PDB file of N, CA and C in Angstrom:
ATOM      1  N   MET A   1      -4.856   3.003 -10.488  1.00  0.00           N
ATOM      2  CA  MET A   1      -4.354   3.783  -9.380  1.00  0.00           C
ATOM      3  C   MET A   1      -4.593   2.553  -8.404  1.00  0.00           C
ATOM      4  N   LEU A   2      -4.086   2.719  -7.132  1.00  0.00           N
ATOM      5  CA  LEU A   2      -3.959   2.161  -6.402  1.00  0.00           C
ATOM      6  C   LEU A   2      -4.632   2.896  -4.964  1.00  0.00           C
ATOM      7  N   THR A   3      -5.472   2.018  -4.525  1.00  0.00           N
ATOM      8  CA  THR A   3      -6.142   2.362  -3.270  1.00  0.00           C
ATOM      9  C   THR A   3      -5.661   2.394  -1.863  1.00  0.00           C
ATOM     10  N   VAL A   4      -5.344   3.442  -0.692  1.00  0.00           N
ATOM     11  CA  VAL A   4      -4.804   3.016   0.472  1.00  0.00           C
ATOM     12  C   VAL A   4      -6.193   3.269   1.351  1.00  0.00           C
ATOM     13  N   GLU A   5      -6.612   2.217   2.281  1.00  0.00           N
ATOM     14  CA  GLU A   5      -7.433   2.544   2.762  1.00  0.00           C
ATOM     15  C   GLU A   5      -6.440   2.007   4.450  1.00  0.00           C
ATOM     16  N   VAL A   6      -7.265   3.482   5.207  1.00  0.00           N
ATOM     17  CA  VAL A   6      -6.328   3.320   6.633  1.00  0.00           C
ATOM     18  C   VAL A   6      -7.442   3.325   7.470  1.00  0.00           C
ATOM     19  N   GLU A   7      -6.974   2.533   8.974  1.00  0.00           N
ATOM     20  CA  GLU A   7      -8.049   2.724   9.681  1.00  0.00           C
ATOM     21  C   GLU A   7      -7.358   2.752  10.893  1.00  0.00           C
ATOM     22  N   ARG A   8      -7.929   2.891  12.286  1.00  0.00           N
ATOM     23  CA  ARG A   8      -6.942   3.383  13.309  1.00  0.00           C
ATOM     24  C   ARG A   8      -7.494   1.736  14.392  1.00  0.00           C
ATOM     25  N   GLU A   9      -6.527   1.297  15.272  1.00  0.00           N
ATOM     26  CA  GLU A   9      -6.864  -0.476  15.557  1.00  0.00           C
ATOM     27  C   GLU A   9      -6.591   0.105  17.083  1.00  0.00           C
ATOM     28  N   GLU A  10      -7.265  -0.199  17.915  1.00  0.00           N
ATOM     29  CA  GLU A  10      -7.922  -0.757  18.574  1.00  0.00           C
ATOM     30  C   GLU A  10      -6.273   0.367  19.713  1.00  0.00           C
ATOM     31  N   ASP A  11      -5.195  -0.073  19.817  1.00  0.00           N
ATOM     32  CA  ASP A  11      -4.308  -0.082  20.156  1.00  0.00           C
ATOM     33  C   ASP A  11      -3.953   1.438  20.262  1.00  0.00           C
ATOM     34  N   GLY A  12      -4.471   2.491  19.139  1.00  0.00           N
ATOM     35  CA  GLY A  12      -3.497   3.427  18.456  1.00  0.00           C
ATOM     36  C   GLY A  12      -3.114   3.593  17.465  1.00  0.00           C
ATOM     37  N   ARG A  13      -2.243   2.291  17.044  1.00  0.00           N
ATOM     38  CA  ARG A  13      -1.719   2.447  15.411  1.00  0.00           C
ATOM     39  C   ARG A  13      -2.596   2.971  14.351  1.00  0.00           C
ATOM     40  N   TYR A  14      -2.257   3.035  13.494  1.00  0.00           N
ATOM     41  CA  TYR A  14      -2.803   3.110  12.302  1.00  0.00           C
ATOM     42  C   TYR A  14      -2.111   1.682  11.306  1.00  0.00           C
ATOM     43  N   ILE A  15      -3.141   1.047  10.124  1.00  0.00           N
ATOM     44  CA  ILE A  15      -2.570   0.321   9.692  1.00  0.00           C
ATOM     45  C   ILE A  15      -3.430   0.359   8.249  1.00  0.00           C
ATOM     46  N   ALA A  16      -2.825   0.899   7.330  1.00  0.00           N
ATOM     47  CA  ALA A  16      -2.572   1.304   6.006  1.00  0.00           C
ATOM     48  C   ALA A  16      -2.820   0.028   4.862  1.00  0.00           C
ATOM     49  N   GLU A  17      -3.739  -0.315   3.651  1.00  0.00           N
ATOM     50  CA  GLU A  17      -3.853  -1.461   3.353  1.00  0.00           C
ATOM     51  C   GLU A  17      -3.710  -0.477   1.422  1.00  0.00           C
ATOM     52  N   VAL A  18      -2.891  -1.449   0.920  1.00  0.00           N
ATOM     53  CA  VAL A  18      -3.272  -1.069  -0.578  1.00  0.00           C
ATOM     54  C   VAL A  18      -4.224  -2.428  -1.196  1.00  0.00           C
ATOM     55  N   LEU A  19      -5.348  -1.742  -1.351  1.00  0.00           N
ATOM     56  CA  LEU A  19      -6.603  -2.560  -1.527  1.00  0.00           C
ATOM     57  C   LEU A  19      -6.442  -3.513  -3.076  1.00  0.00           C
ATOM     58  N   GLU A  20      -6.286  -2.889  -3.765  1.00  0.00           N
ATOM     59  CA  GLU A  20      -5.055  -3.334  -5.072  1.00  0.00           C
ATOM     60  C   GLU A  20      -4.139  -4.836  -4.803  1.00  0.00           C
ATOM     61  N   LEU A  21      -3.858  -4.739  -3.865  1.00  0.00           N
ATOM     62  CA  LEU A  21      -2.291  -5.924  -3.983  1.00  0.00           C
ATOM     63  C   LEU A  21      -2.157  -6.392  -2.678  1.00  0.00           C
ATOM     64  N   PRO A  22      -3.306  -7.702  -2.187  1.00  0.00           N
ATOM     65  CA  PRO A  22      -3.488  -8.501  -1.789  1.00  0.00           C
ATOM     66  C   PRO A  22      -2.550  -8.551  -0.904  1.00  0.00           C
ATOM     67  N   GLY A  23      -1.928  -8.116   0.277  1.00  0.00           N
ATOM     68  CA  GLY A  23      -0.786  -8.395   1.643  1.00  0.00           C
ATOM     69  C   GLY A  23      -0.644  -6.920   1.839  1.00  0.00           C
ATOM     70  N   VAL A  24      -0.176  -6.002   1.249  1.00  0.00           N
ATOM     71  CA  VAL A  24       0.387  -5.298   1.451  1.00  0.00           C
ATOM     72  C   VAL A  24       0.041  -4.070   2.648  1.00  0.00           C
ATOM     73  N   LEU A  25       0.377  -4.308   3.288  1.00  0.00           N
ATOM     74  CA  LEU A  25      -0.227  -3.311   4.128  1.00  0.00           C
ATOM     75  C   LEU A  25       1.130  -3.195   5.273  1.00  0.00           C
ATOM     76  N   ALA A  26       1.127  -2.179   6.069  1.00  0.00           N
ATOM     77  CA  ALA A  26       1.940  -1.409   7.002  1.00  0.00           C
ATOM     78  C   ALA A  26       1.362  -0.463   8.051  1.00  0.00           C
ATOM     79  N   TYR A  27       1.757  -0.780   9.223  1.00  0.00           N
ATOM     80  CA  TYR A  27       1.559  -0.143  10.067  1.00  0.00           C
ATOM     81  C   TYR A  27       2.538   1.207  10.533  1.00  0.00           C
ATOM     82  N   GLY A  28       1.723   1.787  10.954  1.00  0.00           N
ATOM     83  CA  GLY A  28       2.507   3.200  11.454  1.00  0.00           C
ATOM     84  C   GLY A  28       1.637   3.997  12.724  1.00  0.00           C
ATOM     85  N   SER A  29       2.335   5.255  13.804  1.00  0.00           N
ATOM     86  CA  SER A  29       2.029   5.426  14.704  1.00  0.00           C
ATOM     87  C   SER A  29       1.176   6.662  14.687  1.00  0.00           C
ATOM     88  N   ASP A  30       0.993   6.797  13.371  1.00  0.00           N
ATOM     89  CA  ASP A  30       0.027   7.968  12.510  1.00  0.00           C
ATOM     90  C   ASP A  30      -0.834   7.636  11.156  1.00  0.00           C
ATOM     91  N   ARG A  31      -1.376   8.376  10.958  1.00  0.00           N
ATOM     92  CA  ARG A  31      -2.228   7.994   9.284  1.00  0.00           C
ATOM     93  C   ARG A  31      -1.239   8.492   7.833  1.00  0.00           C
ATOM     94  N   ALA A  32      -0.327   8.998   8.651  1.00  0.00           N
ATOM     95  CA  ALA A  32       0.598   9.465   7.467  1.00  0.00           C
ATOM     96  C   ALA A  32       1.730   8.595   7.528  1.00  0.00           C
ATOM     97  N   GLU A  33       2.492   8.209   8.784  1.00  0.00           N
ATOM     98  CA  GLU A  33       3.263   7.078   8.266  1.00  0.00           C
ATOM     99  C   GLU A  33       2.588   6.061   8.198  1.00  0.00           C
ATOM    100  N   ALA A  34       1.672   4.909   8.275  1.00  0.00           N
ATOM    101  CA  ALA A  34       1.453   3.815   8.311  1.00  0.00           C
ATOM    102  C   ALA A  34       0.802   4.415   6.465  1.00  0.00           C
ATOM    103  N   ILE A  35       0.525   5.866   5.356  1.00  0.00           N
ATOM    104  CA  ILE A  35       0.291   5.228   4.298  1.00  0.00           C
ATOM    105  C   ILE A  35       1.671   5.418   3.591  1.00  0.00           C
ATOM    106  N   ALA A  36       2.745   6.318   4.164  1.00  0.00           N
ATOM    107  CA  ALA A  36       4.022   6.694   3.334  1.00  0.00           C
ATOM    108  C   ALA A  36       4.604   4.862   3.384  1.00  0.00           C
ATOM    109  N   LYS A  37       4.309   3.989   4.432  1.00  0.00           N
ATOM    110  CA  LYS A  37       4.725   3.289   4.341  1.00  0.00           C
ATOM    111  C   LYS A  37       4.277   1.812   3.499  1.00  0.00           C
ATOM    112  N   ALA A  38       2.990   1.994   3.714  1.00  0.00           N
ATOM    113  CA  ALA A  38       2.084   1.375   2.564  1.00  0.00           C
ATOM    114  C   ALA A  38       2.506   1.549   1.077  1.00  0.00           C
ATOM    115  N   GLU A  39       2.353   2.238   0.804  1.00  0.00           N
ATOM    116  CA  GLU A  39       3.195   2.856  -0.206  1.00  0.00           C
ATOM    117  C   GLU A  39       4.500   2.907  -0.620  1.00  0.00           C
ATOM    118  N   ALA A  40       5.287   2.451   0.498  1.00  0.00           N
ATOM    119  CA  ALA A  40       7.326   2.166  -0.473  1.00  0.00           C
ATOM    120  C   ALA A  40       6.772   0.399  -0.246  1.00  0.00           C
ATOM    121  N   LEU A  41       5.832  -0.237   0.336  1.00  0.00           N
ATOM    122  CA  LEU A  41       5.847  -1.669   0.539  1.00  0.00           C
ATOM    123  C   LEU A  41       5.103  -2.222  -1.282  1.00  0.00           C
ATOM    124  N   ALA A  42       4.606  -1.207  -1.517  1.00  0.00           N
ATOM    125  CA  ALA A  42       3.836  -1.097  -2.865  1.00  0.00           C
ATOM    126  C   ALA A  42       4.673  -0.992  -4.267  1.00  0.00           C
ATOM    127  N   LEU A  43       5.499  -0.300  -3.554  1.00  0.00           N
ATOM    128  CA  LEU A  43       6.364  -0.069  -4.913  1.00  0.00           C
ATOM    129  C   LEU A  43       7.617  -1.098  -4.826  1.00  0.00           C
ATOM    130  N   ARG A  44       7.628  -1.378  -4.022  1.00  0.00           N
ATOM    131  CA  ARG A  44       8.898  -2.494  -3.766  1.00  0.00           C
ATOM    132  C   ARG A  44       8.173  -3.931  -4.472  1.00  0.00           C
ATOM    133  N   VAL A  45       6.517  -4.172  -4.293  1.00  0.00           N
ATOM    134  CA  VAL A  45       5.637  -5.033  -4.991  1.00  0.00           C
ATOM    135  C   VAL A  45       5.230  -5.299  -6.340  1.00  0.00           C
ATOM    136  N   LEU A  46       5.178  -3.974  -6.723  1.00  0.00           N
ATOM    137  CA  LEU A  46       5.079  -3.879  -8.049  1.00  0.00           C
ATOM    138  C   LEU A  46       6.755  -4.029  -8.768  1.00  0.00           C
ATOM    139  N   ALA A  47       7.678  -3.661  -8.233  1.00  0.00           N
ATOM    140  CA  ALA A  47       8.586  -3.636  -8.628  1.00  0.00           C
ATOM    141  C   ALA A  47       9.388  -5.247  -9.148  1.00  0.00           C
ATOM    142  N   GLU A  48       9.202  -6.210  -8.051  1.00  0.00           N
ATOM    143  CA  GLU A  48       9.193  -6.964  -7.714  1.00  0.00           C
ATOM    144  C   GLU A  48       8.437  -7.764  -8.898  1.00  0.00           C
ATOM    145  N   ARG A  49       7.131  -7.809  -9.385  1.00  0.00           N
ATOM    146  CA  ARG A  49       6.623  -8.422 -10.029  1.00  0.00           C
ATOM    147  C   ARG A  49       6.793  -8.194 -11.242  1.00  0.00           C
ATOM    148  N   LEU A  50       7.567  -6.849 -11.963  1.00  0.00           N
ATOM    149  CA  LEU A  50       7.505  -6.508 -13.326  1.00  0.00           C
ATOM    150  C   LEU A  50       8.870  -6.850 -14.071  1.00  0.00           C
ATOM    151  N   GLU A  51       9.697  -6.960 -12.341  1.00  0.00           N
ATOM    152  CA  GLU A  51      11.312  -8.212 -12.661  1.00  0.00           C
ATOM    153  C   GLU A  51      10.713  -9.551 -13.047  1.00  0.00           C
ATOM    154  N   HIS A  52       9.726  -9.977 -12.733  1.00  0.00           N
ATOM    155  CA  HIS A  52       9.185 -11.805 -12.783  1.00  0.00           C
ATOM    156  C   HIS A  52       8.484 -11.787 -13.980  1.00  0.00           C
ATOM    157  N   GLY A  53       8.014 -10.904 -14.285  1.00  0.00           N
ATOM    158  CA  GLY A  53       6.808 -10.856 -15.873  1.00  0.00           C
ATOM    159  C   GLY A  53       5.752 -11.537 -15.159  1.00  0.00           C
ATOM    160  N   GLU A  54       5.284 -10.860 -13.574  1.00  0.00           N
ATOM    161  CA  GLU A  54       4.192 -10.897 -13.466  1.00  0.00           C
ATOM    162  C   GLU A  54       3.286  -9.344 -13.382  1.00  0.00           C
ATOM    163  N   ASP A  55       1.477 -10.450 -13.788  1.00  0.00           N
ATOM    164  CA  ASP A  55       0.306  -8.752 -14.079  1.00  0.00           C
ATOM    165  C   ASP A  55       0.572  -7.761 -13.049  1.00  0.00           C
ATOM    166  N   ILE A  56       0.500  -6.918 -13.081  1.00  0.00           N
ATOM    167  CA  ILE A  56       0.245  -5.442 -12.289  1.00  0.00           C
ATOM    168  C   ILE A  56      -1.037  -4.968 -12.537  1.00  0.00           C
ATOM    169  N   PRO A  57      -1.238  -4.120 -10.999  1.00  0.00           N
ATOM    170  CA  PRO A  57      -2.590  -3.491 -11.777  1.00  0.00           C
ATOM    171  C   PRO A  57      -2.574  -2.513 -13.201  1.00  0.00           C
ATOM    172  N   ASP A  58      -3.205  -2.269 -13.837  1.00  0.00           N
ATOM    173  CA  ASP A  58      -3.844  -1.303 -14.744  1.00  0.00           C
ATOM    174  C   ASP A  58      -3.449  -0.331 -14.241  1.00  0.00           C
ATOM    175  N   LEU A  59      -2.642   0.990 -14.294  1.00  0.00           N
ATOM    176  CA  LEU A  59      -1.921   1.861 -13.715  1.00  0.00           C
ATOM    177  C   LEU A  59      -2.253   3.454 -14.393  1.00  0.00           C
ATOM    178  N   LYS A  60      -3.288   3.969 -14.167  1.00  0.00           N
ATOM    179  CA  LYS A  60      -2.864   5.681 -14.676  1.00  0.00           C
ATOM    180  C   LYS A  60      -2.188   6.969 -14.322  1.00  0.00           C
ATOM    181  N   THR A  61      -3.050   6.677 -12.540  1.00  0.00           N
ATOM    182  CA  THR A  61      -2.010   7.125 -11.900  1.00  0.00           C
ATOM    183  C   THR A  61      -1.794   5.851 -10.519  1.00  0.00           C
ATOM    184  N   LEU A  62      -0.538   6.624  -9.363  1.00  0.00           N
ATOM    185  CA  LEU A  62      -0.276   5.847  -8.634  1.00  0.00           C
ATOM    186  C   LEU A  62      -1.696   5.631  -7.791  1.00  0.00           C
ATOM    187  N   PHE A  63      -1.329   6.697  -6.564  1.00  0.00           N
ATOM    188  CA  PHE A  63      -2.066   6.580  -5.743  1.00  0.00           C
ATOM    189  C   PHE A  63      -2.882   7.168  -5.409  1.00  0.00           C
ATOM    190  N   ALA A  64      -4.265   7.052  -4.482  1.00  0.00           N
ATOM    191  CA  ALA A  64      -5.329   7.628  -4.092  1.00  0.00           C
ATOM    192  C   ALA A  64      -5.231   7.535  -2.680  1.00  0.00           C
ATOM    193  N   ALA A  65      -5.757   8.271  -1.907  1.00  0.00           N
ATOM    194  CA  ALA A  65      -6.050   8.069  -0.337  1.00  0.00           C
ATOM    195  C   ALA A  65      -6.693   8.236   0.486  1.00  0.00           C
TER     196      ALA A  65
END
């Protein structure tokens, strides 16, 4: 399972980070937008890793927020 952590920045934006994939984070104007963008980016990163034969986290389910 990929864990999405969300925080609100001082400027009001939200940032969502996928903890199991370092560097996978995204900003949104609200919590839901930030999560959606981070999840989409995580899927792209996982696809790239699979294409290049790199390791991916062991996933029984995909996301938890």
